[in-house]
């Protein structure tokens, strides 16, 4: 087929669903993946396409309205030469763009503009949101493709109308509303893109949430940790009865910070884990993470408002603020305030162009995504056989990797002036001279992991500080979510607009019950607290310590913040900001 069509790539489909992209280079890569044995070379052409193709979740793609400079940046950054052209409104593949196509135009690669920060920043700007085809991607019907391509290339209103009329006649109205609306805008007809789709089409996702924040159970009123007679924090249990009421419960003592930001049609959440060791230097370790959390939320709000203002009388496509840009601006703002301290950071949102989870994570806070095994197109992280056989339970489909310099030493954003931390007599000139030196001991937002991941309706996302992941394994988290779902279904309890507003499900027409996510966050956080004080069961922290030749048993008492999120089809807009 490739030879007959004189092309170097083809889209692999199964019942119209796009499964991946196949190229001649895939055959060569497959042959040589294990040294290229003689038998493997002889039998190469007898293998199935599915065995050697690039699967859909690894395919880089572009949209019809992407600038060619960005497409070339993606190709260069990811090392690909063929990119499917995907209509973001319908997840329909309408063509293939190749490196040869770009070469014909002899384009020069452009830099990232005024805010260009180097190779990694350019890579992030280019590739964010363009790696991994949505699970719903399918080949467009040839007749639809012909009409659509004509409309996209000729920018003719009559063609646009013919596309829309064609879809209406075939009961597919709304399939490409976003693309049609953009074309109308380019002709001076300002039509607001439709985000909500009919059943079977593109549906805009939003997040419901629940939050629980707990301080270290051994934390005292002055913020210090009770160390006990032997110097071990767990000796606290020898001095007091281990009842929940006797542990620290004042969330204000926690060195974690978080925010939940809900704007019309947009949701952002973030968790930040301050480093308690600053207290030994006379610095309140709560100040820096709280300042950064507030600054990130403020930067996002300002960026969204500015975007709306700029697009009032513009034909440019409205885009969401990039998370790493928001973190960078907030970090610079907090750094300029010269607040001593340091923190990890994990910020999450939904990229509404493709209904994908978008996140930026620096350090050992993180997130996991859980999905029902019965969902189509689910590739799960392997677990034991009993869990795999249970089709009703959720499986891990994403675990954000931690970033560690060494054991128990995560990447951190921060600032310090070691000469002035313990002195109130330092001069203003000293502070100015030490401004840049104060950043030298820490990472910057350029070191953060930035990624996106396709979402499905009813996915569960757990965003938390290391107080959860150090004490509760991902398998145990999955079990807790399963117990919570069963309990919520038995009680027929739903939460709609706010995690604090519980009401009985009003209708039976909704496909899924909306659960009390605050109860899930509460259960996860309190489980982490209980296990952190268990001396007899090795926690994930203890297992990692032993892998690094460090003797440690039991749990790791720590502050813990959990934000439980559930993906659902958008029904209304909220505007709420919570910064804790």
Protein backbone atom coordinates (compact mmCIF):
# COMPACT_ATOMS: atom_id res chain seq x y z
CA UNK A 1 0.00 0.00 0.00
CA UNK A 2 2.78 2.43 0.89
CA UNK A 3 4.51 1.71 -2.40
CA UNK A 4 1.36 2.04 -4.49
CA UNK A 5 0.37 5.30 -2.84
CA UNK A 6 3.97 6.59 -2.93
CA UNK A 7 3.77 7.56 0.72
CA UNK A 8 5.87 6.82 3.78
CA UNK A 9 3.08 6.46 6.34
CA UNK A 10 -0.41 5.14 6.90
CA UNK A 11 -3.03 5.34 9.64
CA UNK A 12 -3.90 2.01 11.29
CA UNK A 13 -7.61 1.71 12.08
CA UNK A 14 -9.95 -0.84 13.61
CA UNK A 15 -13.65 -0.27 12.88
CA UNK A 16 -12.85 3.40 12.11
CA UNK A 17 -11.10 3.88 15.45
CA UNK A 18 -7.52 5.09 15.02
CA UNK A 19 -5.14 2.60 16.64
CA UNK A 20 -1.84 4.16 15.57
CA UNK A 21 0.40 5.25 12.71
CA UNK A 22 2.53 2.88 10.61
CA UNK A 23 5.68 3.95 8.73
CA UNK A 24 8.54 2.22 6.96
CA UNK A 25 10.81 3.39 9.77
CA UNK A 26 8.69 1.37 12.24
CA UNK A 27 9.69 -1.83 10.43
CA UNK A 28 13.38 -0.98 10.70
CA UNK A 29 13.05 -0.01 14.36
CA UNK A 30 11.22 -3.26 15.13
CA UNK A 31 13.85 -5.38 13.35
CA UNK A 32 16.72 -3.81 15.26
CA UNK A 33 15.06 -3.47 18.68
CA UNK A 34 16.78 -6.65 19.96
CA UNK A 35 19.85 -6.73 17.73
CA UNK A 36 18.16 -7.67 14.48
CA UNK A 37 18.40 -11.47 14.37
CA UNK A 38 18.56 -13.20 10.98
CA UNK A 39 15.15 -14.87 11.44
CA UNK A 40 13.57 -11.61 12.47
CA UNK A 41 14.83 -9.90 9.32
CA UNK A 42 13.49 -12.71 7.11
CA UNK A 43 10.06 -12.70 8.75
CA UNK A 44 9.70 -8.93 9.17
CA UNK A 45 7.14 -8.48 6.38
CA UNK A 46 4.97 -11.29 7.77
CA UNK A 47 4.33 -9.49 11.06
CA UNK A 48 1.05 -7.67 11.68
CA UNK A 49 0.90 -3.88 11.57
CA UNK A 50 -0.27 -3.76 15.20
CA UNK A 51 3.00 -5.29 16.34
CA UNK A 52 5.30 -2.68 14.82
CA UNK A 53 3.20 0.50 14.51
CA UNK A 54 3.43 3.54 16.75
CA UNK A 55 0.36 3.22 19.00
CA UNK A 56 -2.08 6.13 19.23
CA UNK A 57 -1.08 7.21 22.74
CA UNK A 58 2.47 7.83 21.46
CA UNK A 59 1.52 9.58 18.22
CA UNK A 60 2.28 13.29 17.89
CA UNK A 61 -0.46 15.18 16.04
CA UNK A 62 -1.37 18.66 14.84
CA UNK A 63 -4.58 20.63 14.34
CA UNK A 64 -5.67 22.35 11.10
CA UNK A 65 -5.13 25.80 12.62
CA UNK A 66 -1.68 25.07 14.13
CA UNK A 67 1.07 27.29 12.77
CA UNK A 68 3.58 25.39 10.65
CA UNK A 69 6.40 26.73 12.82
CA UNK A 70 4.88 24.90 15.80
CA UNK A 71 4.40 21.70 13.78
CA UNK A 72 8.05 21.76 12.75
CA UNK A 73 9.06 22.36 16.38
CA UNK A 74 7.08 19.29 17.46
CA UNK A 75 8.64 17.17 14.72
CA UNK A 76 12.14 18.23 15.67
CA UNK A 77 11.57 17.91 19.44
CA UNK A 78 9.95 14.45 19.27
CA UNK A 79 11.95 13.08 16.33
CA UNK A 80 8.96 12.34 14.07
CA UNK A 81 8.44 12.95 10.36
CA UNK A 82 4.70 12.23 10.01
CA UNK A 83 1.89 13.86 12.00
CA UNK A 84 -1.85 13.15 11.63
CA UNK A 85 -4.00 16.27 11.25
CA UNK A 86 -6.72 16.05 13.91
CA UNK A 87 -9.89 18.12 14.14
CA UNK A 88 -9.98 18.97 17.85
CA UNK A 89 -13.76 19.35 17.80
CA UNK A 90 -14.49 15.83 16.58
CA UNK A 91 -11.25 13.87 17.12
CA UNK A 92 -11.41 13.03 13.42
CA UNK A 93 -8.16 12.43 11.51
CA UNK A 94 -8.49 14.31 8.22
CA UNK A 95 -5.01 13.98 6.78
CA UNK A 96 -1.28 13.50 7.30
CA UNK A 97 1.37 16.21 7.40
CA UNK A 98 4.94 15.12 6.66
CA UNK A 99 8.39 16.64 7.00
CA UNK A 100 8.57 16.72 3.21
CA UNK A 101 5.45 18.89 3.14
CA UNK A 102 7.17 21.39 5.41
CA UNK A 103 10.44 21.23 3.51
CA UNK A 104 8.63 22.29 0.34
CA UNK A 105 7.92 25.63 1.97
CA UNK A 106 11.52 26.04 3.23
CA UNK A 107 10.36 27.41 6.58
CA UNK A 108 12.84 28.62 9.16
CA UNK A 109 12.26 27.39 12.72
CA UNK A 110 11.21 30.28 14.89
CA UNK A 111 12.19 30.80 18.51
CA UNK A 112 9.78 30.89 21.40
CA UNK A 113 9.52 34.70 21.29
CA UNK A 114 10.20 37.24 23.99
CA UNK A 115 9.87 34.65 26.77
CA UNK A 116 12.22 32.10 25.18
CA UNK A 117 14.13 30.42 27.99
CA UNK A 118 16.25 27.87 26.16
CA UNK A 119 15.93 24.43 24.60
CA UNK A 120 13.75 22.83 27.29
CA UNK A 121 11.33 25.74 27.41
CA UNK A 122 11.04 25.68 23.63
CA UNK A 123 10.39 21.93 23.77
CA UNK A 124 7.60 22.39 26.35
CA UNK A 125 5.94 25.23 24.48
CA UNK A 126 5.96 23.26 21.23
CA UNK A 127 4.83 19.83 22.40
CA UNK A 128 2.38 20.49 25.27
CA UNK A 129 -1.04 19.14 24.30
CA UNK A 130 0.12 17.64 21.00
CA UNK A 131 1.41 14.23 22.12
CA UNK A 132 -0.97 11.26 22.34
CA UNK A 133 -4.09 10.96 20.18
CA UNK A 134 -7.41 11.06 22.10
CA UNK A 135 -8.93 7.60 22.61
CA UNK A 136 -11.98 8.66 20.58
CA UNK A 137 -9.96 9.43 17.42
CA UNK A 138 -11.36 7.94 14.23
CA UNK A 139 -10.95 8.36 10.49
CA UNK A 140 -13.28 10.90 8.96
CA UNK A 141 -15.64 9.80 6.20
CA UNK A 142 -14.09 10.57 2.76
CA UNK A 143 -17.01 12.80 1.75
CA UNK A 144 -16.85 14.71 5.03
CA UNK A 145 -13.10 15.05 4.66
CA UNK A 146 -13.43 16.48 1.16
CA UNK A 147 -15.88 19.14 2.27
CA UNK A 148 -13.95 19.99 5.41
CA UNK A 149 -10.58 20.31 3.69
CA UNK A 150 -12.19 22.53 1.09
CA UNK A 151 -13.58 24.77 3.80
CA UNK A 152 -10.32 24.89 5.73
CA UNK A 153 -8.19 25.71 2.70
CA UNK A 154 -10.47 28.08 0.75
CA UNK A 155 -11.94 29.92 3.77
CA UNK A 156 -15.12 30.37 1.80
CA UNK A 157 -18.38 30.93 3.66
CA UNK A 158 -20.37 29.01 1.06
CA UNK A 159 -18.14 25.98 1.63
CA UNK A 160 -18.54 26.37 5.37
CA UNK A 161 -22.30 26.34 5.01
CA UNK A 162 -22.15 23.30 2.75
CA UNK A 163 -20.13 21.44 5.36
CA UNK A 164 -22.61 22.33 8.08
CA UNK A 165 -25.60 21.48 5.90
CA UNK A 166 -24.04 18.14 4.95
CA UNK A 167 -23.62 17.19 8.59
CA UNK A 168 -27.16 18.35 9.41
CA UNK A 169 -28.64 16.20 6.68
CA UNK A 170 -26.79 13.19 8.05
CA UNK A 171 -27.74 13.81 11.70
CA UNK A 172 -24.17 14.81 12.53
CA UNK A 173 -24.72 18.51 13.25
CA UNK A 174 -22.18 19.81 15.68
CA UNK A 175 -19.39 17.45 14.67
CA UNK A 176 -17.11 20.25 13.56
CA UNK A 177 -18.71 23.34 15.10
CA UNK A 178 -15.42 24.62 16.54
CA UNK A 179 -13.65 24.47 13.18
CA UNK A 180 -16.57 26.01 11.32
CA UNK A 181 -16.91 28.77 13.91
CA UNK A 182 -13.21 29.58 13.58
CA UNK A 183 -13.56 29.85 9.80
CA UNK A 184 -16.56 32.14 10.18
CA UNK A 185 -14.53 34.31 12.55
CA UNK A 186 -11.75 34.57 9.97
CA UNK A 187 -14.36 35.95 7.55
CA UNK A 188 -15.61 38.49 10.09
CA UNK A 189 -18.59 36.50 11.35
CA UNK A 190 -17.98 36.06 15.07
CA UNK A 191 -19.57 32.82 16.17
CA UNK A 192 -18.75 31.53 19.64
CA UNK A 193 -17.43 27.94 19.44
CA UNK A 194 -19.78 25.34 20.80
CA UNK A 195 -18.12 23.37 23.60
CA UNK A 196 -20.97 20.98 24.45
CA UNK A 197 -21.56 18.20 21.95
CA UNK A 198 -24.40 15.81 21.32
CA UNK A 199 -24.17 12.19 22.46
CA UNK A 200 -21.42 10.37 20.64
CA UNK A 201 -19.55 13.58 19.76
CA UNK A 202 -17.06 15.79 21.55
CA UNK A 203 -18.15 16.63 25.09
CA UNK A 204 -16.43 19.22 27.23
CA UNK A 205 -15.08 17.82 30.48
CA UNK A 206 -14.95 19.53 33.86
CA UNK A 207 -13.78 18.53 37.32
CA UNK A 208 -15.59 18.03 40.62
CA UNK A 209 -13.37 18.02 43.65
CA UNK A 210 -12.98 17.29 47.35
CA UNK A 211 -10.12 18.46 49.59
CA UNK A 212 -8.62 17.29 52.88
CA UNK A 213 -5.54 18.79 54.56
CA UNK A 214 -4.02 17.43 57.79
CA UNK A 215 -0.90 18.43 59.70
CA UNK A 216 1.77 15.98 60.81
CA UNK A 217 0.07 14.04 63.65
CA UNK A 218 3.16 14.61 65.85
CA UNK A 219 3.27 18.36 65.31
CA UNK A 220 3.13 20.54 68.40
CA UNK A 221 1.50 23.95 68.76
CA UNK A 222 4.82 25.73 68.06
CA UNK A 223 5.18 23.88 64.76
CA UNK A 224 7.99 21.60 65.93
CA UNK A 225 7.77 17.81 65.69
CA UNK A 226 7.63 15.78 68.90
CA UNK A 227 10.78 13.61 68.87
CA UNK A 228 10.28 11.55 72.04
CA UNK A 229 12.91 10.04 74.30
CA UNK A 230 14.87 8.17 71.63
CA UNK A 231 14.85 10.90 69.04
CA UNK A 232 12.41 9.01 66.82
CA UNK A 233 9.10 10.64 66.09
CA UNK A 234 7.31 7.32 66.47
CA UNK A 235 8.38 7.25 70.14
CA UNK A 236 5.48 9.63 70.57
CA UNK A 237 3.24 6.58 70.57
CA UNK A 238 5.02 5.28 73.68
CA UNK A 239 4.22 8.47 75.57
CA UNK A 240 0.59 8.91 74.55
CA UNK A 241 -2.31 6.69 73.69
CA UNK A 242 -2.65 6.54 69.94
CA UNK A 243 -6.13 7.95 69.70
CA UNK A 244 -7.05 10.28 66.85
CA UNK A 245 -8.21 13.04 69.22
CA UNK A 246 -4.74 13.35 70.75
CA UNK A 247 -2.97 13.96 67.44
CA UNK A 248 -2.46 17.41 65.95
CA UNK A 249 -5.54 18.46 63.98
CA UNK A 250 -4.91 22.19 63.35
CA UNK A 251 -4.55 22.48 59.57
CA UNK A 252 -2.94 25.90 60.05
CA UNK A 253 0.16 24.11 61.38
CA UNK A 254 0.61 22.25 58.09
CA UNK A 255 3.52 23.25 55.88
CA UNK A 256 1.52 22.15 52.83
CA UNK A 257 -0.47 24.64 50.77
CA UNK A 258 -3.03 24.17 48.02
CA UNK A 259 -5.47 26.04 45.82
CA UNK A 260 -8.63 25.20 43.91
CA UNK A 261 -9.50 27.72 41.21
CA UNK A 262 -12.79 27.52 39.35
CA UNK A 263 -13.43 30.03 36.58
CA UNK A 264 -16.20 29.91 33.96
CA UNK A 265 -15.52 26.65 32.15
CA UNK A 266 -12.01 26.26 33.61
CA UNK A 267 -10.64 24.49 36.69
CA UNK A 268 -7.15 24.49 38.15
CA UNK A 269 -5.83 22.81 41.30
CA UNK A 270 -2.39 22.78 42.87
CA UNK A 271 -0.59 21.32 45.89
CA UNK A 272 2.67 22.56 47.40
CA UNK A 273 4.74 20.81 50.07
CA UNK A 274 6.89 23.17 52.14
CA UNK A 275 10.17 21.91 53.63
CA UNK A 276 9.97 21.74 57.43
CA UNK A 277 13.74 21.85 57.92
CA UNK A 278 13.60 25.64 57.51
CA UNK A 279 12.23 25.88 61.04
CA UNK A 280 15.69 24.95 62.38
CA UNK A 281 17.03 28.13 60.73
CA UNK A 282 14.42 30.35 62.30
CA UNK A 283 12.26 30.48 59.15
CA UNK A 284 8.55 29.68 59.10
CA UNK A 285 8.39 26.94 56.42
CA UNK A 286 4.72 27.69 55.74
CA UNK A 287 5.33 31.12 54.21
CA UNK A 288 6.97 30.15 50.92
CA UNK A 289 4.51 27.43 49.79
CA UNK A 290 1.54 29.59 50.73
CA UNK A 291 2.95 32.56 48.84
CA UNK A 292 3.62 30.43 45.76
CA UNK A 293 0.16 28.83 45.83
CA UNK A 294 -1.46 32.27 46.02
CA UNK A 295 0.78 33.64 43.27
CA UNK A 296 0.02 30.77 40.87
CA UNK A 297 -3.74 31.16 41.37
CA UNK A 298 -3.44 34.93 40.83
CA UNK A 299 -1.35 34.51 37.66
CA UNK A 300 -3.89 32.08 36.20
CA UNK A 301 -6.82 34.39 36.95
CA UNK A 302 -5.01 37.37 35.43
CA UNK A 303 -4.01 35.40 32.33
CA UNK A 304 -7.56 34.17 31.74
CA UNK A 305 -8.98 37.68 32.09
CA UNK A 306 -6.32 39.11 29.77
CA UNK A 307 -7.00 36.38 27.22
CA UNK A 308 -10.72 37.16 27.25
CA UNK A 309 -10.02 40.89 26.83
CA UNK A 310 -7.63 40.34 23.93
CA UNK A 311 -10.06 38.01 22.14
CA UNK A 312 -13.10 40.28 22.43
CA UNK A 313 -12.56 41.72 18.95
CA UNK A 314 -10.00 39.26 17.63
CA UNK A 315 -10.18 36.23 15.35
CA UNK A 316 -7.33 34.51 17.19
CA UNK A 317 -8.14 31.18 18.81
CA UNK A 318 -8.59 31.53 22.57
CA UNK A 319 -6.15 29.28 24.38
CA UNK A 320 -5.78 28.32 28.01
CA UNK A 321 -2.79 29.64 29.93
CA UNK A 322 0.10 27.17 29.88
CA UNK A 323 0.73 25.76 33.34
CA UNK A 324 4.51 25.99 33.19
CA UNK A 325 4.23 29.65 32.16
CA UNK A 326 1.97 30.34 35.14
CA UNK A 327 4.35 28.54 37.52
CA UNK A 328 7.32 30.44 36.10
CA UNK A 329 5.66 33.84 36.52
CA UNK A 330 4.50 33.01 40.05
CA UNK A 331 7.96 31.74 40.98
CA UNK A 332 9.59 34.95 39.72
CA UNK A 333 7.05 37.02 41.64
CA UNK A 334 7.64 35.18 44.92
CA UNK A 335 11.40 35.22 44.38
CA UNK A 336 11.34 39.00 43.98
CA UNK A 337 9.70 39.20 47.40
CA UNK A 338 12.74 37.36 48.83
CA UNK A 339 10.70 35.03 51.01
CA UNK A 340 13.04 32.38 52.46
CA UNK A 341 11.83 28.82 52.10
CA UNK A 342 11.26 26.09 49.53
CA UNK A 343 8.52 23.82 48.26
CA UNK A 344 7.56 21.17 45.74
CA UNK A 345 4.72 21.94 43.32
CA UNK A 346 2.07 20.04 41.35
CA UNK A 347 -0.52 21.93 39.28
CA UNK A 348 -3.30 20.27 37.28
CA UNK A 349 -6.00 21.32 34.81
CA UNK A 350 -7.95 20.02 31.80
CA UNK A 351 -6.84 21.02 28.31
CA UNK A 352 -10.31 21.61 26.87
CA UNK A 353 -9.13 21.54 23.26
CA UNK A 354 -8.57 17.79 23.50
CA UNK A 355 -10.14 16.83 26.86
CA UNK A 356 -6.74 15.87 28.22
CA UNK A 357 -5.27 16.16 31.70
CA UNK A 358 -2.48 18.73 31.66
CA UNK A 359 -0.07 18.96 34.58
CA UNK A 360 3.25 20.38 35.71
CA UNK A 361 5.01 18.61 38.57
CA UNK A 362 8.27 19.42 40.35
CA UNK A 363 9.46 17.29 43.27
CA UNK A 364 7.76 14.43 45.08
CA UNK A 365 4.19 15.64 45.24
CA UNK A 366 2.20 14.06 42.44
CA UNK A 367 -0.94 12.56 40.98
CA UNK A 368 -2.49 9.29 39.85
CA UNK A 369 -5.35 8.66 37.41
CA UNK A 370 -7.75 5.76 37.97
CA UNK A 371 -10.09 4.44 35.28
CA UNK A 372 -12.64 1.65 35.13
CA UNK A 373 -11.22 -1.36 33.34
CA UNK A 374 -14.44 -1.64 31.32
CA UNK A 375 -13.65 1.66 29.56
CA UNK A 376 -12.71 1.21 25.92
CA UNK A 377 -9.15 1.98 24.93
CA UNK A 378 -7.79 1.70 28.47
CA UNK A 379 -4.14 0.74 28.84
CA UNK A 380 -3.58 -0.03 32.50
CA UNK A 381 -0.47 -0.20 34.62
CA UNK A 382 -0.06 -3.90 35.50
CA UNK A 383 -1.34 -5.09 38.88
CA UNK A 384 -2.13 -8.48 40.36
CA UNK A 385 -4.36 -11.02 38.61
CA UNK A 386 -7.29 -10.70 41.03
CA UNK A 387 -7.56 -6.96 40.43
CA UNK A 388 -7.23 -7.41 36.68
CA UNK A 389 -10.15 -9.87 36.61
CA UNK A 390 -12.47 -7.43 38.38
CA UNK A 391 -13.91 -5.34 35.53
CA UNK A 392 -15.91 -3.12 37.88
CA UNK A 393 -12.92 -1.75 39.79
CA UNK A 394 -10.61 1.01 38.67
CA UNK A 395 -7.10 0.53 37.38
CA UNK A 396 -4.11 2.84 37.34
CA UNK A 397 -3.57 4.46 33.96
CA UNK A 398 -1.16 7.22 35.03
CA UNK A 399 1.30 7.79 37.87
CA UNK A 400 3.26 11.05 37.67
CA UNK A 401 6.97 10.34 38.31
CA UNK A 402 8.75 11.86 41.28
CA UNK A 403 11.83 14.05 40.90
CA UNK A 404 14.52 13.41 43.53
CA UNK A 405 18.09 14.63 43.87
CA UNK A 406 18.62 11.80 46.34
CA UNK A 407 16.55 9.76 48.78
CA UNK A 408 14.13 12.07 50.64
CA UNK A 409 15.61 15.08 48.83
CA UNK A 410 13.10 16.17 46.18
CA UNK A 411 13.46 18.89 43.59
CA UNK A 412 12.37 22.20 45.13
CA UNK A 413 11.58 25.77 44.18
CA UNK A 414 12.90 28.20 46.77
CA UNK A 415 15.01 31.14 47.82
CA UNK A 416 17.45 31.72 50.64
CA UNK A 417 19.89 34.30 51.90
CA UNK A 418 21.93 32.25 54.34
CA UNK A 419 23.71 35.31 55.66
CA UNK A 420 20.44 37.00 56.56
CA UNK A 421 18.19 34.16 57.65
CA UNK A 422 19.13 34.52 61.33
CA UNK A 423 20.01 38.21 61.29
CA UNK A 424 17.72 41.22 61.39
CA UNK A 425 20.63 43.65 61.05
CA UNK A 426 21.53 42.94 57.43
CA UNK A 427 21.46 45.89 55.04
CA UNK A 428 19.24 46.34 52.02
CA UNK A 429 22.35 46.25 49.83
CA UNK A 430 23.21 42.81 51.24
CA UNK A 431 19.74 41.58 50.28
CA UNK A 432 20.03 42.91 46.72
CA UNK A 433 23.47 41.40 46.19
CA UNK A 434 22.33 38.01 47.44
CA UNK A 435 19.15 37.91 45.32
CA UNK A 436 20.55 35.67 42.56
CA UNK A 437 22.69 33.69 44.99
CA UNK A 438 19.52 32.78 46.86
CA UNK A 439 18.30 30.76 43.87
CA UNK A 440 21.47 28.74 43.38
CA UNK A 441 20.54 25.95 45.79
CA UNK A 442 17.21 25.17 44.17
CA UNK A 443 15.61 24.05 40.94
CA UNK A 444 13.61 26.32 38.64
CA UNK A 445 10.29 25.71 36.85
CA UNK A 446 12.32 24.67 33.79
CA UNK A 447 13.21 21.47 35.67
CA UNK A 448 9.57 20.44 36.16
CA UNK A 449 7.89 17.53 34.39
CA UNK A 450 5.21 18.86 32.00
CA UNK A 451 2.84 16.39 30.37
CA UNK A 452 -0.70 15.74 29.14
CA UNK A 453 -2.82 12.60 29.25
CA UNK A 454 -6.16 11.83 27.49
CA UNK A 455 -9.11 11.66 29.89
CA UNK A 456 -12.40 9.80 29.84
CA UNK A 457 -15.68 10.61 31.54
CA UNK A 458 -15.74 9.49 35.19
CA UNK A 459 -11.96 9.18 35.55
CA UNK A 460 -10.72 9.70 39.13
CA UNK A 461 -7.64 11.89 39.66
CA UNK A 462 -5.84 12.02 43.03
CA UNK A 463 -3.50 15.00 43.46
CA UNK A 464 -1.55 14.97 46.74
CA UNK A 465 1.63 15.84 48.60
CA UNK A 466 4.10 13.13 49.55
CA UNK A 467 2.38 12.65 52.91
CA UNK A 468 -0.07 10.43 51.00
CA UNK A 469 2.28 8.64 48.58
CA UNK A 470 4.97 7.99 51.23
CA UNK A 471 2.47 6.07 53.37
CA UNK A 472 -0.20 4.65 51.06
CA UNK A 473 0.75 2.50 48.09
CA UNK A 474 -0.95 3.08 44.74
CA UNK A 475 -2.63 -0.35 45.04
CA UNK A 476 -4.02 0.66 48.43
CA UNK A 477 -5.24 3.96 46.95
CA UNK A 478 -7.08 1.97 44.29
CA UNK A 479 -8.70 -0.19 47.01
CA UNK A 480 -9.82 2.89 48.95
CA UNK A 481 -11.38 4.40 45.83
CA UNK A 482 -13.23 1.12 45.18
CA UNK A 483 -14.59 1.05 48.76
CA UNK A 484 -15.64 4.69 48.49
CA UNK A 485 -17.47 4.12 45.21
CA UNK A 486 -19.34 1.12 46.58
CA UNK A 487 -20.33 3.04 49.70
CA UNK A 488 -21.46 6.06 47.69
CA UNK A 489 -23.55 3.90 45.35
CA UNK A 490 -25.19 2.11 48.26
CA UNK A 491 -26.14 5.42 49.85
CA UNK A 492 -27.18 6.99 46.52
CA UNK A 493 -25.53 10.24 47.53
CA UNK A 494 -24.42 12.84 45.01
CA UNK A 495 -22.43 16.04 45.07
CA UNK A 496 -23.10 18.56 42.34
CA UNK A 497 -21.84 22.12 42.41
CA UNK A 498 -19.58 22.03 45.49
CA UNK A 499 -17.78 19.27 47.38
CA UNK A 500 -19.49 20.60 50.52
CA UNK A 501 -23.06 20.40 49.15
CA UNK A 502 -24.55 16.91 49.30
CA UNK A 503 -27.94 16.12 47.83
CA UNK A 504 -29.93 13.09 46.72
CA UNK A 505 -29.71 12.27 43.02
CA UNK A 506 -32.66 13.99 41.38
CA UNK A 507 -33.02 11.91 38.22
CA UNK A 508 -32.19 8.45 36.96
CA UNK A 509 -31.23 9.70 33.50
CA UNK A 510 -27.62 10.48 34.35
CA UNK A 511 -25.23 7.70 33.44
CA UNK A 512 -23.18 7.93 36.63
CA UNK A 513 -23.85 8.86 40.24
CA UNK A 514 -21.95 11.95 41.36
CA UNK A 515 -20.12 11.01 44.54
CA UNK A 516 -19.05 12.92 47.60
CA UNK A 517 -15.42 13.55 46.76
CA UNK A 518 -14.78 15.23 50.09
CA UNK A 519 -15.38 11.86 51.76
CA UNK A 520 -12.84 10.25 49.44
CA UNK A 521 -10.21 12.91 50.15
CA UNK A 522 -10.93 12.55 53.89
CA UNK A 523 -10.54 8.77 53.75
CA UNK A 524 -7.25 8.93 51.84
CA UNK A 525 -5.73 11.59 54.11
CA UNK A 526 -6.71 9.84 57.34
CA UNK A 527 -5.51 6.49 56.03
CA UNK A 528 -2.14 8.10 55.32
CA UNK A 529 -2.06 9.54 58.85
CA UNK A 530 -2.88 6.17 60.44
CA UNK A 531 -0.29 4.28 58.41
CA UNK A 532 2.36 6.93 59.06
CA UNK A 533 2.25 5.91 62.75
CA UNK A 534 2.32 2.17 62.09
CA UNK A 535 5.70 0.72 63.10
CA UNK A 536 5.00 -2.79 61.89
CA UNK A 537 4.07 -2.33 58.22
CA UNK A 538 6.66 -1.01 55.81
CA UNK A 539 5.35 2.01 53.95
CA UNK A 540 6.41 3.00 50.41
CA UNK A 541 8.81 5.43 52.14
CA UNK A 542 10.38 2.60 54.18
CA UNK A 543 10.76 0.38 51.11
CA UNK A 544 12.48 3.18 49.20
CA UNK A 545 14.73 3.87 52.20
CA UNK A 546 15.86 0.23 52.25
CA UNK A 547 16.52 0.36 48.52
CA UNK A 548 18.93 3.17 49.37
CA UNK A 549 20.58 1.19 52.20
CA UNK A 550 18.85 3.24 54.91
CA UNK A 551 17.32 1.40 57.86
CA UNK A 552 13.72 2.51 58.27
CA UNK A 553 10.60 0.61 59.20
CA UNK A 554 6.96 1.55 59.36
CA UNK A 555 5.43 4.80 58.16
CA UNK A 556 6.58 8.39 57.72
CA UNK A 557 4.58 10.99 59.75
CA UNK A 558 4.12 14.10 57.64
CA UNK A 559 1.67 16.80 56.63
CA UNK A 560 -0.74 15.50 54.02
CA UNK A 561 -2.95 17.30 51.50
CA UNK A 562 -5.26 15.37 49.16
CA UNK A 563 -7.40 16.76 46.34
CA UNK A 564 -9.74 14.12 44.89
CA UNK A 565 -11.04 14.97 41.41
CA UNK A 566 -13.63 13.34 39.19
CA UNK A 567 -14.01 14.02 35.47
CA UNK A 568 -17.54 14.66 34.26
CA UNK A 569 -19.32 16.14 31.26
CA UNK A 570 -19.75 19.89 31.76
CA UNK A 571 -23.17 21.01 32.88
CA UNK A 572 -22.63 24.50 34.37
CA UNK A 573 -19.97 27.11 35.10
CA UNK A 574 -18.60 27.99 38.52
CA UNK A 575 -16.38 30.83 39.64
CA UNK A 576 -14.74 30.01 42.93
CA UNK A 577 -11.24 30.40 44.29
CA UNK A 578 -10.01 28.52 47.34
CA UNK A 579 -6.43 29.08 48.51
CA UNK A 580 -5.56 27.29 51.73
